[in-house]
Amino acid sequence: MLTTKQKAYLKGLANHLPNQFQIGKEGVSDNLLKGIDDFLRVHELIKINVLKTSKHSLDEVINELVTKLNCELIQKIGRIIIIYRQNKENPVIDLRGVSK
């Protein structure tokens, strides 16, 4: 579980990230999950755009991603979501220095 300050730090890092994935009318497919999982393993932080054409609500998409990928929602702004999952073996983002 991340602290408020850790989430704020991650939001700041995500400001400069481009949208890496888009979720459209097909919703959250197995291939999409694998792609996001691979990206999280390497980068830990990802910005995803949920298109208006998606059959599922934004909250449904978030719940599915968080549950299936074992990650944390950092922020949702409009139809853009930012999620984080720490790589236990080779962490990229160091949150230990972020005060509680």
Protein backbone atom coordinates (compact mmCIF):
# COMPACT_ATOMS: atom_id res chain seq x y z
CA MET A 1 0.00 0.00 0.00
CA LEU A 2 1.41 3.33 -1.05
CA THR A 3 1.34 6.45 1.10
CA THR A 4 -0.18 9.72 -0.08
CA LYS A 5 3.27 11.23 -0.60
CA GLN A 6 4.45 8.24 -2.59
CA LYS A 7 1.38 8.52 -4.84
CA ALA A 8 2.02 12.24 -5.27
CA TYR A 9 5.62 11.48 -6.26
CA LEU A 10 4.46 8.89 -8.81
CA LYS A 11 1.89 11.34 -10.22
CA GLY A 12 4.71 13.80 -10.79
CA LEU A 13 6.74 11.16 -12.62
CA ALA A 14 3.74 10.21 -14.74
CA ASN A 15 3.12 13.79 -15.91
CA HIS A 16 5.81 13.43 -18.53
CA LEU A 17 4.85 9.93 -19.67
CA PRO A 18 3.03 9.40 -22.96
CA ASN A 19 -0.03 7.16 -23.06
CA GLN A 20 1.41 3.69 -23.61
CA PHE A 21 -1.80 1.76 -24.20
CA GLN A 22 -5.36 2.46 -25.31
CA ILE A 23 -8.37 0.46 -24.27
CA GLY A 24 -11.18 0.62 -26.80
CA LYS A 25 -14.24 -1.34 -27.84
CA GLU A 26 -12.53 -4.70 -27.32
CA GLY A 27 -12.05 -3.91 -23.63
CA VAL A 28 -9.36 -5.59 -21.57
CA SER A 29 -8.25 -8.61 -23.62
CA ASP A 30 -5.70 -11.23 -22.65
CA ASN A 31 -3.20 -9.80 -25.15
CA LEU A 32 -3.63 -6.32 -23.71
CA LEU A 33 -3.14 -7.63 -20.19
CA LYS A 34 0.05 -9.41 -21.24
CA GLY A 35 1.37 -6.23 -22.89
CA ILE A 36 0.60 -4.08 -19.85
CA ASP A 37 2.04 -6.73 -17.52
CA ASP A 38 5.28 -6.82 -19.52
CA PHE A 39 5.47 -3.02 -19.55
CA LEU A 40 4.90 -2.81 -15.78
CA ARG A 41 7.60 -5.40 -15.18
CA VAL A 42 10.13 -3.19 -16.95
CA HIS A 43 8.94 0.36 -16.19
CA GLU A 44 6.68 -0.01 -13.10
CA LEU A 45 4.59 3.08 -13.98
CA ILE A 46 2.21 3.34 -16.92
CA LYS A 47 -0.34 5.76 -18.34
CA ILE A 48 -3.33 4.22 -20.14
CA ASN A 49 -6.06 5.93 -22.16
CA VAL A 50 -9.56 4.42 -21.99
CA LEU A 51 -11.36 5.45 -25.16
CA LYS A 52 -14.99 6.51 -25.24
CA THR A 53 -15.70 3.56 -27.53
CA SER A 54 -14.98 1.12 -24.68
CA LYS A 55 -17.96 -1.08 -23.84
CA HIS A 56 -16.96 -1.05 -20.19
CA SER A 57 -17.05 1.86 -17.79
CA LEU A 58 -13.83 3.46 -16.62
CA ASP A 59 -14.28 2.01 -13.13
CA GLU A 60 -14.82 -1.50 -14.54
CA VAL A 61 -11.61 -1.23 -16.55
CA ILE A 62 -9.70 0.03 -13.50
CA ASN A 63 -11.02 -2.78 -11.29
CA GLU A 64 -10.11 -5.41 -13.88
CA LEU A 65 -6.58 -4.05 -14.36
CA VAL A 66 -5.89 -3.67 -10.64
CA THR A 67 -7.22 -7.14 -9.86
CA LYS A 68 -5.64 -9.09 -12.71
CA LEU A 69 -2.28 -7.28 -12.73
CA ASN A 70 -1.91 -6.89 -8.96
CA CYS A 71 -1.11 -3.18 -9.33
CA GLU A 72 -2.23 0.05 -7.70
CA LEU A 73 -4.24 2.88 -9.18
CA ILE A 74 -2.26 6.08 -8.77
CA GLN A 75 -4.60 8.51 -10.48
CA LYS A 76 -7.46 8.82 -12.90
CA ILE A 77 -7.91 12.03 -14.84
CA GLY A 78 -10.79 12.06 -17.25
CA ARG A 79 -10.33 8.86 -19.26
CA ILE A 80 -6.64 8.49 -18.49
CA ILE A 81 -5.47 6.18 -15.72
CA ILE A 82 -2.06 5.79 -14.15
CA ILE A 83 -1.13 2.50 -12.51
CA TYR A 84 1.97 1.31 -10.67
CA ARG A 85 3.42 -2.04 -9.71
CA GLN A 86 6.83 -2.38 -8.12
CA ASN A 87 9.23 -4.85 -9.64
CA LYS A 88 10.35 -6.84 -6.60
CA GLU A 89 13.47 -8.26 -8.26
CA ASN A 90 14.79 -5.18 -10.06
CA PRO A 91 13.02 -1.98 -8.92
CA VAL A 92 13.23 0.99 -11.27
CA ILE A 93 11.53 3.65 -9.15
CA ASP A 94 12.91 4.10 -5.63
CA LEU A 95 10.12 5.08 -3.23
CA ARG A 96 12.15 4.54 -0.04
CA GLY A 97 13.35 8.14 -0.07
CA VAL A 98 9.83 9.53 -0.29
CA SER A 99 8.78 10.49 3.22
CA LYS A 100 5.62 9.18 4.76
